[in-house]
Amino acid sequence: MSDAKRPNVVLITVDQWRGDTLGVAGHPCISTPGLDILARHGHYFPQAVSTAPSCVAARRSLFSGKWPYHHGMVGFNDRVRWDEPQTPCQAFHTAGYRTYCVGKRHLFPQNTR
């Protein structure tokens, strides 16, 4: 796919943020204009739920596509080795995207780049 036709992808994940506290979700008092614009012009998942109450285990599930029981990270132990063949970021990179991650990933061993 040419760069002109390839969609931009921005994945935003947050800890401890109720899904209904977004302007785009219809909250009467909360103003989130930047996120609302992204949601209206992209894909917004109002029914999405977490696979785990722990952010560490939930992120691992998001990046591996596996339930916590299957990837081994079921709590705050953030030193479970990453044995997955590829992350979504690597798949995007292979497809020609420039990828960037800001914040916690809890993927070990850490990248050296």
Protein backbone atom coordinates (compact mmCIF):
# COMPACT_ATOMS: atom_id res chain seq x y z
CA MET A 1 0.00 0.00 0.00
CA SER A 2 1.39 3.40 -0.91
CA ASP A 3 2.17 5.92 1.82
CA ALA A 4 -0.62 8.16 0.51
CA LYS A 5 -3.24 5.42 1.05
CA ARG A 6 -1.82 4.01 4.27
CA PRO A 7 -3.81 5.19 7.32
CA ASN A 8 -2.10 6.82 10.27
CA VAL A 9 -2.38 4.74 13.44
CA VAL A 10 -2.33 6.17 16.95
CA LEU A 11 -2.99 3.79 19.84
CA ILE A 12 -3.66 5.52 23.14
CA THR A 13 -3.86 3.44 26.30
CA VAL A 14 -4.31 4.83 29.78
CA ASP A 15 -4.51 3.50 33.31
CA GLN A 16 -7.50 4.17 35.53
CA TRP A 17 -9.66 6.19 33.20
CA ARG A 18 -13.35 5.42 33.06
CA GLY A 19 -14.51 5.05 29.49
CA ASP A 20 -17.52 7.27 30.00
CA THR A 21 -15.44 10.28 31.09
CA LEU A 22 -14.82 11.53 27.58
CA GLY A 23 -16.65 14.27 25.77
CA VAL A 24 -17.23 11.96 22.80
CA ALA A 25 -18.88 9.49 25.20
CA GLY A 26 -21.45 12.15 26.04
CA HIS A 27 -20.21 13.15 29.48
CA PRO A 28 -21.98 16.39 30.42
CA CYS A 29 -19.07 17.99 32.32
CA ILE A 30 -15.82 16.53 30.99
CA SER A 31 -14.13 18.35 28.09
CA THR A 32 -11.67 16.32 26.02
CA PRO A 33 -11.60 18.15 22.67
CA GLY A 34 -8.36 16.61 21.34
CA LEU A 35 -9.40 13.05 22.12
CA ASP A 36 -12.90 13.75 20.79
CA ILE A 37 -11.46 14.79 17.42
CA LEU A 38 -9.35 11.64 17.23
CA ALA A 39 -12.37 9.51 18.15
CA ARG A 40 -14.66 11.15 15.60
CA HIS A 41 -12.18 10.84 12.73
CA GLY A 42 -10.79 7.43 13.63
CA HIS A 43 -11.90 4.31 15.42
CA TYR A 44 -13.35 4.63 18.89
CA PHE A 45 -14.15 1.53 20.93
CA PRO A 46 -16.76 2.49 23.55
CA GLN A 47 -17.42 -1.14 24.53
CA ALA A 48 -13.76 -2.12 25.00
CA VAL A 49 -12.84 -3.72 28.31
CA SER A 50 -9.58 -4.72 29.94
CA THR A 51 -8.43 -8.33 30.18
CA ALA A 52 -7.08 -7.77 33.69
CA PRO A 53 -7.36 -5.32 36.59
CA SER A 54 -3.57 -4.91 36.59
CA CYS A 55 -2.26 -2.51 33.94
CA VAL A 56 0.88 -4.63 33.50
CA ALA A 57 -1.08 -7.79 32.66
CA ALA A 58 -3.57 -5.84 30.53
CA ARG A 59 -0.81 -4.28 28.40
CA ARG A 60 0.79 -7.69 27.90
CA SER A 61 -2.57 -9.02 26.69
CA LEU A 62 -3.01 -6.08 24.32
CA PHE A 63 0.43 -6.59 22.77
CA SER A 64 0.30 -10.40 22.63
CA GLY A 65 -3.37 -11.09 21.90
CA LYS A 66 -3.42 -13.59 24.77
CA TRP A 67 -5.32 -13.80 28.03
CA PRO A 68 -3.18 -13.25 31.17
CA TYR A 69 -3.35 -16.94 32.09
CA HIS A 70 -1.72 -17.82 28.75
CA HIS A 71 1.05 -15.19 28.71
CA GLY A 72 1.92 -15.67 32.38
CA MET A 73 1.64 -12.13 33.66
CA VAL A 74 -1.30 -12.14 36.02
CA GLY A 75 -0.34 -9.39 38.46
CA PHE A 76 2.27 -6.70 38.97
CA ASN A 77 5.25 -8.97 38.29
CA ASP A 78 6.68 -6.98 35.40
CA ARG A 79 9.70 -9.24 34.85
CA VAL A 80 7.95 -12.06 33.01
CA ARG A 81 10.03 -12.57 29.88
CA TRP A 82 8.49 -11.57 26.55
CA ASP A 83 8.49 -14.72 24.42
CA GLU A 84 6.05 -13.65 21.73
CA PRO A 85 7.37 -13.79 18.17
CA GLN A 86 6.28 -10.24 17.39
CA THR A 87 4.54 -7.21 18.86
CA PRO A 88 1.99 -5.10 16.99
CA CYS A 89 4.66 -2.38 16.81
CA GLN A 90 7.03 -4.77 15.04
CA ALA A 91 4.27 -5.77 12.61
CA PHE A 92 3.65 -2.10 11.79
CA HIS A 93 7.40 -1.54 11.33
CA THR A 94 7.61 -4.52 8.98
CA ALA A 95 4.73 -3.03 6.99
CA GLY A 96 6.70 0.19 6.50
CA TYR A 97 5.35 2.32 9.34
CA ARG A 98 7.52 4.45 11.60
CA THR A 99 6.64 3.37 15.11
CA TYR A 100 7.14 5.06 18.45
CA CYS A 101 6.17 4.14 21.99
CA VAL A 102 5.90 6.58 24.87
CA GLY A 103 5.40 5.39 28.42
CA LYS A 104 5.42 1.99 30.03
CA ARG A 105 5.42 -1.19 27.99
CA HIS A 106 6.48 -3.81 30.52
CA LEU A 107 8.06 -5.98 27.85
CA PHE A 108 11.21 -7.74 29.02
CA PRO A 109 13.97 -7.96 28.06
CA GLN A 110 14.00 -4.25 27.25
CA ASN A 111 14.90 -3.06 23.79
CA THR A 112 18.39 -1.63 23.55
CA ARG A 113 17.55 0.82 20.78
